[in-house]
């Protein structure tokens, strides 16, 4: 599993996940919407943690800078 996510991508995904969590905690989302967004939040947090997005592989996308790939 080769990293394919840059820092900005990871930060945005983490922030989106926390926004979903806050929306749920404040009661602004509920029901099926909360479940679907919660699943996306978990996926965003996991992919941010490992710096790898499986969806990027078939699309041949990488948000890493060239200098980060060499590390």
PDB file of N, CA and C in Angstrom:
ATOM      1  N   UNK A   1       0.836  -1.166   0.000  1.00  0.00           N
ATOM      2  CA  UNK A   1       0.000   0.000   0.000  1.00  0.00           C
ATOM      3  C   UNK A   1       0.892   1.245   0.000  1.00  0.00           C
ATOM      4  N   UNK A   2       0.992   1.872  -1.118  1.00  0.00           N
ATOM      5  CA  UNK A   2       1.830   3.057  -1.256  1.00  0.00           C
ATOM      6  C   UNK A   2       0.992   4.300  -0.967  1.00  0.00           C
ATOM      7  N   UNK A   3       1.535   5.221  -0.195  1.00  0.00           N
ATOM      8  CA  UNK A   3       0.819   6.442   0.140  1.00  0.00           C
ATOM      9  C   UNK A   3       0.440   7.197  -1.133  1.00  0.00           C
ATOM     10  N   UNK A   4      -0.786   7.739  -1.154  1.00  0.00           N
ATOM     11  CA  UNK A   4      -1.212   8.528  -2.307  1.00  0.00           C
ATOM     12  C   UNK A   4      -2.007   9.769  -1.894  1.00  0.00           C
ATOM     13  N   UNK A   5      -1.894  10.148  -0.617  1.00  0.00           N
ATOM     14  CA  UNK A   5      -2.594  11.331  -0.117  1.00  0.00           C
ATOM     15  C   UNK A   5      -1.611  12.320   0.496  1.00  0.00           C
ATOM     16  N   UNK A   6      -1.725  13.556   0.072  1.00  0.00           N
ATOM     17  CA  UNK A   6      -0.888  14.604   0.626  1.00  0.00           C
ATOM     18  C   UNK A   6      -1.474  15.158   1.917  1.00  0.00           C
ATOM     19  N   UNK A   7      -0.731  16.042   2.554  1.00  0.00           N
ATOM     20  CA  UNK A   7      -1.139  16.605   3.841  1.00  0.00           C
ATOM     21  C   UNK A   7      -2.437  17.400   3.745  1.00  0.00           C
ATOM     22  N   UNK A   8      -2.592  18.217   2.714  1.00  0.00           N
ATOM     23  CA  UNK A   8      -3.806  19.019   2.576  1.00  0.00           C
ATOM     24  C   UNK A   8      -5.030  18.115   2.418  1.00  0.00           C
ATOM     25  N   UNK A   9      -4.912  17.088   1.628  1.00  0.00           N
ATOM     26  CA  UNK A   9      -5.991  16.117   1.440  1.00  0.00           C
ATOM     27  C   UNK A   9      -6.361  15.468   2.772  1.00  0.00           C
ATOM     28  N   UNK A  10      -5.370  15.080   3.543  1.00  0.00           N
ATOM     29  CA  UNK A  10      -5.606  14.444   4.850  1.00  0.00           C
ATOM     30  C   UNK A  10      -6.280  15.414   5.818  1.00  0.00           C
ATOM     31  N   UNK A  11      -5.847  16.662   5.823  1.00  0.00           N
ATOM     32  CA  UNK A  11      -6.422  17.664   6.723  1.00  0.00           C
ATOM     33  C   UNK A  11      -7.882  17.932   6.366  1.00  0.00           C
ATOM     34  N   UNK A  12      -8.175  18.070   5.087  1.00  0.00           N
ATOM     35  CA  UNK A  12      -9.549  18.327   4.647  1.00  0.00           C
ATOM     36  C   UNK A  12     -10.464  17.169   5.026  1.00  0.00           C
ATOM     37  N   UNK A  13     -10.015  15.938   4.811  1.00  0.00           N
ATOM     38  CA  UNK A  13     -10.823  14.770   5.164  1.00  0.00           C
ATOM     39  C   UNK A  13     -11.076  14.698   6.671  1.00  0.00           C
ATOM     40  N   UNK A  14     -10.059  14.999   7.454  1.00  0.00           N
ATOM     41  CA  UNK A  14     -10.208  14.970   8.909  1.00  0.00           C
ATOM     42  C   UNK A  14     -11.192  16.052   9.369  1.00  0.00           C
ATOM     43  N   UNK A  15     -11.069  17.241   8.813  1.00  0.00           N
ATOM     44  CA  UNK A  15     -11.986  18.322   9.177  1.00  0.00           C
ATOM     45  C   UNK A  15     -13.423  17.980   8.792  1.00  0.00           C
ATOM     46  N   UNK A  16     -13.628  17.404   7.614  1.00  0.00           N
ATOM     47  CA  UNK A  16     -14.974  17.012   7.195  1.00  0.00           C
ATOM     48  C   UNK A  16     -15.564  15.964   8.134  1.00  0.00           C
ATOM     49  N   UNK A  17     -14.736  15.029   8.558  1.00  0.00           N
ATOM     50  CA  UNK A  17     -15.200  14.002   9.490  1.00  0.00           C
ATOM     51  C   UNK A  17     -15.619  14.637  10.817  1.00  0.00           C
ATOM     52  N   UNK A  18     -14.844  15.581  11.320  1.00  0.00           N
ATOM     53  CA  UNK A  18     -15.193  16.235  12.576  1.00  0.00           C
ATOM     54  C   UNK A  18     -16.439  17.109  12.436  1.00  0.00           C
ATOM     55  N   UNK A  19     -16.644  17.697  11.279  1.00  0.00           N
ATOM     56  CA  UNK A  19     -17.867  18.466  11.042  1.00  0.00           C
ATOM     57  C   UNK A  19     -19.082  17.544  11.120  1.00  0.00           C
ATOM     58  N   UNK A  20     -18.991  16.379  10.511  1.00  0.00           N
ATOM     59  CA  UNK A  20     -20.091  15.415  10.565  1.00  0.00           C
ATOM     60  C   UNK A  20     -20.358  14.999  12.018  1.00  0.00           C
ATOM     61  N   UNK A  21     -19.295  14.744  12.761  1.00  0.00           N
ATOM     62  CA  UNK A  21     -19.452  14.362  14.166  1.00  0.00           C
ATOM     63  C   UNK A  21     -20.139  15.478  14.956  1.00  0.00           C
ATOM     64  N   UNK A  22     -19.726  16.710  14.732  1.00  0.00           N
ATOM     65  CA  UNK A  22     -20.343  17.839  15.436  1.00  0.00           C
ATOM     66  C   UNK A  22     -21.805  18.021  15.039  1.00  0.00           C
ATOM     67  N   UNK A  23     -22.107  17.859  13.762  1.00  0.00           N
ATOM     68  CA  UNK A  23     -23.494  17.961  13.308  1.00  0.00           C
ATOM     69  C   UNK A  23     -24.371  16.929  14.008  1.00  0.00           C
ATOM     70  N   UNK A  24     -23.833  15.732  14.154  1.00  0.00           N
ATOM     71  CA  UNK A  24     -24.590  14.678  14.839  1.00  0.00           C
ATOM     72  C   UNK A  24     -24.755  14.984  16.327  1.00  0.00           C
ATOM     73  N   UNK A  25     -23.683  15.408  16.964  1.00  0.00           N
ATOM     74  CA  UNK A  25     -23.731  15.686  18.401  1.00  0.00           C
ATOM     75  C   UNK A  25     -24.677  16.835  18.746  1.00  0.00           C
ATOM     76  N   UNK A  26     -24.783  17.818  17.858  1.00  0.00           N
ATOM     77  CA  UNK A  26     -25.677  18.948  18.095  1.00  0.00           C
ATOM     78  C   UNK A  26     -27.091  18.688  17.578  1.00  0.00           C
ATOM     79  N   UNK A  27     -27.332  17.487  17.069  1.00  0.00           N
ATOM     80  CA  UNK A  27     -28.667  17.109  16.640  1.00  0.00           C
ATOM     81  C   UNK A  27     -29.123  17.706  15.322  1.00  0.00           C
ATOM     82  N   UNK A  28     -28.182  18.176  14.522  1.00  0.00           N
ATOM     83  CA  UNK A  28     -28.552  18.778  13.247  1.00  0.00           C
ATOM     84  C   UNK A  28     -28.758  17.748  12.144  1.00  0.00           C
ATOM     85  N   UNK A  29     -28.238  16.544  12.339  1.00  0.00           N
ATOM     86  CA  UNK A  29     -28.500  15.449  11.417  1.00  0.00           C
ATOM     87  C   UNK A  29     -28.943  14.240  12.232  1.00  0.00           C
ATOM     88  N   UNK A  30     -29.823  13.452  11.643  1.00  0.00           N
ATOM     89  CA  UNK A  30     -30.292  12.252  12.336  1.00  0.00           C
ATOM     90  C   UNK A  30     -30.791  11.252  11.298  1.00  0.00           C
ATOM     91  N   UNK A  31     -31.134  10.085  11.765  1.00  0.00           N
ATOM     92  CA  UNK A  31     -31.695   9.060  10.887  1.00  0.00           C
ATOM     93  C   UNK A  31     -30.702   8.549   9.866  1.00  0.00           C
ATOM     94  N   UNK A  32     -31.215   8.267   8.678  1.00  0.00           N
ATOM     95  CA  UNK A  32     -30.402   7.685   7.605  1.00  0.00           C
ATOM     96  C   UNK A  32     -29.297   8.641   7.163  1.00  0.00           C
ATOM     97  N   UNK A  33     -29.574   9.939   7.216  1.00  0.00           N
ATOM     98  CA  UNK A  33     -28.552  10.932   6.850  1.00  0.00           C
ATOM     99  C   UNK A  33     -27.354  10.828   7.789  1.00  0.00           C
ATOM    100  N   UNK A  34     -27.629  10.708   9.069  1.00  0.00           N
ATOM    101  CA  UNK A  34     -26.549  10.594  10.062  1.00  0.00           C
ATOM    102  C   UNK A  34     -25.759   9.311   9.854  1.00  0.00           C
ATOM    103  N   UNK A  35     -26.448   8.229   9.525  1.00  0.00           N
ATOM    104  CA  UNK A  35     -25.766   6.951   9.308  1.00  0.00           C
ATOM    105  C   UNK A  35     -24.845   7.027   8.094  1.00  0.00           C
ATOM    106  N   UNK A  36     -25.363   7.537   6.993  1.00  0.00           N
ATOM    107  CA  UNK A  36     -24.555   7.628   5.762  1.00  0.00           C
ATOM    108  C   UNK A  36     -23.370   8.564   5.959  1.00  0.00           C
ATOM    109  N   UNK A  37     -23.617   9.740   6.520  1.00  0.00           N
ATOM    110  CA  UNK A  37     -22.518  10.680   6.755  1.00  0.00           C
ATOM    111  C   UNK A  37     -21.540  10.143   7.786  1.00  0.00           C
ATOM    112  N   UNK A  38     -22.037   9.385   8.759  1.00  0.00           N
ATOM    113  CA  UNK A  38     -21.157   8.761   9.749  1.00  0.00           C
ATOM    114  C   UNK A  38     -20.231   7.739   9.118  1.00  0.00           C
ATOM    115  N   UNK A  39     -20.747   6.967   8.176  1.00  0.00           N
ATOM    116  CA  UNK A  39     -19.912   6.003   7.460  1.00  0.00           C
ATOM    117  C   UNK A  39     -18.826   6.725   6.678  1.00  0.00           C
ATOM    118  N   UNK A  40     -19.208   7.804   5.992  1.00  0.00           N
ATOM    119  CA  UNK A  40     -18.213   8.584   5.260  1.00  0.00           C
ATOM    120  C   UNK A  40     -17.175   9.181   6.209  1.00  0.00           C
ATOM    121  N   UNK A  41     -17.603   9.641   7.375  1.00  0.00           N
ATOM    122  CA  UNK A  41     -16.676  10.222   8.350  1.00  0.00           C
ATOM    123  C   UNK A  41     -15.651   9.192   8.809  1.00  0.00           C
ATOM    124  N   UNK A  42     -16.113   7.979   9.075  1.00  0.00           N
ATOM    125  CA  UNK A  42     -15.191   6.907   9.495  1.00  0.00           C
ATOM    126  C   UNK A  42     -14.207   6.596   8.377  1.00  0.00           C
ATOM    127  N   UNK A  43     -14.692   6.498   7.155  1.00  0.00           N
ATOM    128  CA  UNK A  43     -13.817   6.227   6.005  1.00  0.00           C
ATOM    129  C   UNK A  43     -12.800   7.347   5.843  1.00  0.00           C
ATOM    130  N   UNK A  44     -13.257   8.595   5.955  1.00  0.00           N
ATOM    131  CA  UNK A  44     -12.344   9.735   5.832  1.00  0.00           C
ATOM    132  C   UNK A  44     -11.256   9.694   6.903  1.00  0.00           C
ATOM    133  N   UNK A  45     -11.638   9.380   8.127  1.00  0.00           N
ATOM    134  CA  UNK A  45     -10.642   9.321   9.207  1.00  0.00           C
ATOM    135  C   UNK A  45      -9.642   8.187   8.984  1.00  0.00           C
ATOM    136  N   UNK A  46     -10.137   7.016   8.573  1.00  0.00           N
ATOM    137  CA  UNK A  46      -9.235   5.886   8.319  1.00  0.00           C
ATOM    138  C   UNK A  46      -8.265   6.173   7.180  1.00  0.00           C
ATOM    139  N   UNK A  47      -8.777   6.700   6.078  1.00  0.00           N
ATOM    140  CA  UNK A  47      -7.894   6.977   4.946  1.00  0.00           C
ATOM    141  C   UNK A  47      -6.908   8.093   5.270  1.00  0.00           C
ATOM    142  N   UNK A  48      -7.333   9.059   6.072  1.00  0.00           N
ATOM    143  CA  UNK A  48      -6.410  10.123   6.485  1.00  0.00           C
ATOM    144  C   UNK A  48      -5.308   9.573   7.369  1.00  0.00           C
ATOM    145  N   UNK A  49      -5.654   8.647   8.247  1.00  0.00           N
ATOM    146  CA  UNK A  49      -4.687   8.072   9.170  1.00  0.00           C
ATOM    147  C   UNK A  49      -3.601   7.277   8.442  1.00  0.00           C
ATOM    148  N   UNK A  50      -3.983   6.522   7.407  1.00  0.00           N
ATOM    149  CA  UNK A  50      -3.011   5.685   6.692  1.00  0.00           C
ATOM    150  C   UNK A  50      -2.454   6.357   5.430  1.00  0.00           C
ATOM    151  N   UNK A  51      -2.934   7.544   5.101  1.00  0.00           N
ATOM    152  CA  UNK A  51      -2.483   8.306   3.923  1.00  0.00           C
ATOM    153  C   UNK A  51      -2.677   7.536   2.620  1.00  0.00           C
ATOM    154  N   UNK A  52      -3.726   6.742   2.571  1.00  0.00           N
ATOM    155  CA  UNK A  52      -3.986   5.944   1.377  1.00  0.00           C
ATOM    156  C   UNK A  52      -5.486   5.929   1.093  1.00  0.00           C
ATOM    157  N   UNK A  53      -5.842   6.255  -0.142  1.00  0.00           N
ATOM    158  CA  UNK A  53      -7.233   6.205  -0.566  1.00  0.00           C
ATOM    159  C   UNK A  53      -7.353   5.159  -1.676  1.00  0.00           C
ATOM    160  N   UNK A  54      -8.081   4.062  -1.431  1.00  0.00           N
ATOM    161  CA  UNK A  54      -8.214   3.013  -2.439  1.00  0.00           C
ATOM    162  C   UNK A  54      -8.887   3.499  -3.723  1.00  0.00           C
ATOM    163  N   UNK A  55      -9.749   4.500  -3.619  1.00  0.00           N
ATOM    164  CA  UNK A  55     -10.428   5.021  -4.800  1.00  0.00           C
ATOM    165  C   UNK A  55      -9.458   5.736  -5.736  1.00  0.00           C
ATOM    166  N   UNK A  56      -8.377   6.266  -5.204  1.00  0.00           N
ATOM    167  CA  UNK A  56      -7.390   6.960  -6.026  1.00  0.00           C
ATOM    168  C   UNK A  56      -6.616   6.008  -6.948  1.00  0.00           C
ATOM    169  N   UNK A  57      -6.496   4.748  -6.564  1.00  0.00           N
ATOM    170  CA  UNK A  57      -5.689   3.795  -7.329  1.00  0.00           C
ATOM    171  C   UNK A  57      -6.236   3.580  -8.735  1.00  0.00           C
ATOM    172  N   UNK A  58      -7.499   3.168  -8.921  1.00  0.00           N
ATOM    173  CA  UNK A  58      -7.985   2.965 -10.289  1.00  0.00           C
ATOM    174  C   UNK A  58      -8.090   4.268 -11.086  1.00  0.00           C
ATOM    175  N   UNK A  59      -8.237   5.387 -10.376  1.00  0.00           N
ATOM    176  CA  UNK A  59      -8.313   6.677 -11.051  1.00  0.00           C
ATOM    177  C   UNK A  59      -6.934   7.279 -11.313  1.00  0.00           C
ATOM    178  N   UNK A  60      -5.904   6.616 -10.792  1.00  0.00           N
ATOM    179  CA  UNK A  60      -4.511   7.056 -10.939  1.00  0.00           C
ATOM    180  C   UNK A  60      -4.309   8.494 -10.447  1.00  0.00           C
ATOM    181  N   UNK A  61      -4.838   8.737  -9.252  1.00  0.00           N
ATOM    182  CA  UNK A  61      -4.732  10.051  -8.621  1.00  0.00           C
ATOM    183  C   UNK A  61      -3.768   9.955  -7.443  1.00  0.00           C
ATOM    184  N   UNK A  62      -2.970  10.980  -7.269  1.00  0.00           N
ATOM    185  CA  UNK A  62      -2.122  11.091  -6.091  1.00  0.00           C
ATOM    186  C   UNK A  62      -2.023  12.568  -5.725  1.00  0.00           C
ATOM    187  N   UNK A  63      -2.278  12.882  -4.474  1.00  0.00           N
ATOM    188  CA  UNK A  63      -2.183  14.270  -4.030  1.00  0.00           C
ATOM    189  C   UNK A  63      -0.876  14.529  -3.291  1.00  0.00           C
ATOM    190  N   UNK A  64       0.028  13.562  -3.344  1.00  0.00           N
ATOM    191  CA  UNK A  64       1.348  13.742  -2.742  1.00  0.00           C
ATOM    192  C   UNK A  64       2.210  14.645  -3.622  1.00  0.00           C
ATOM    193  N   UNK A  65       3.027  15.450  -2.970  1.00  0.00           N
ATOM    194  CA  UNK A  65       4.017  16.219  -3.723  1.00  0.00           C
ATOM    195  C   UNK A  65       5.136  15.271  -4.131  1.00  0.00           C
ATOM    196  N   UNK A  66       5.863  15.607  -5.158  1.00  0.00           N
ATOM    197  CA  UNK A  66       6.958  14.745  -5.630  1.00  0.00           C
ATOM    198  C   UNK A  66       7.999  14.532  -4.553  1.00  0.00           C
ATOM    199  N   UNK A  67       8.268  15.550  -3.743  1.00  0.00           N
ATOM    200  CA  UNK A  67       9.284  15.408  -2.686  1.00  0.00           C
ATOM    201  C   UNK A  67       8.823  14.441  -1.599  1.00  0.00           C
ATOM    202  N   UNK A  68       7.502  14.351  -1.365  1.00  0.00           N
ATOM    203  CA  UNK A  68       6.983  13.417  -0.368  1.00  0.00           C
ATOM    204  C   UNK A  68       7.042  11.964  -0.846  1.00  0.00           C
ATOM    205  N   UNK A  69       6.958  11.747  -2.141  1.00  0.00           N
ATOM    206  CA  UNK A  69       6.988  10.398  -2.699  1.00  0.00           C
ATOM    207  C   UNK A  69       8.360   9.759  -2.537  1.00  0.00           C
ATOM    208  N   UNK A  70       9.404  10.589  -2.495  1.00  0.00           N
ATOM    209  CA  UNK A  70      10.757  10.070  -2.421  1.00  0.00           C
ATOM    210  C   UNK A  70      11.099   9.584  -1.016  1.00  0.00           C
ATOM    211  N   UNK A  71      10.319   9.952  -0.013  1.00  0.00           N
ATOM    212  CA  UNK A  71      10.608   9.571   1.375  1.00  0.00           C
ATOM    213  C   UNK A  71      10.215   8.156   1.632  1.00  0.00           C
TER     214      UNK A  71
END
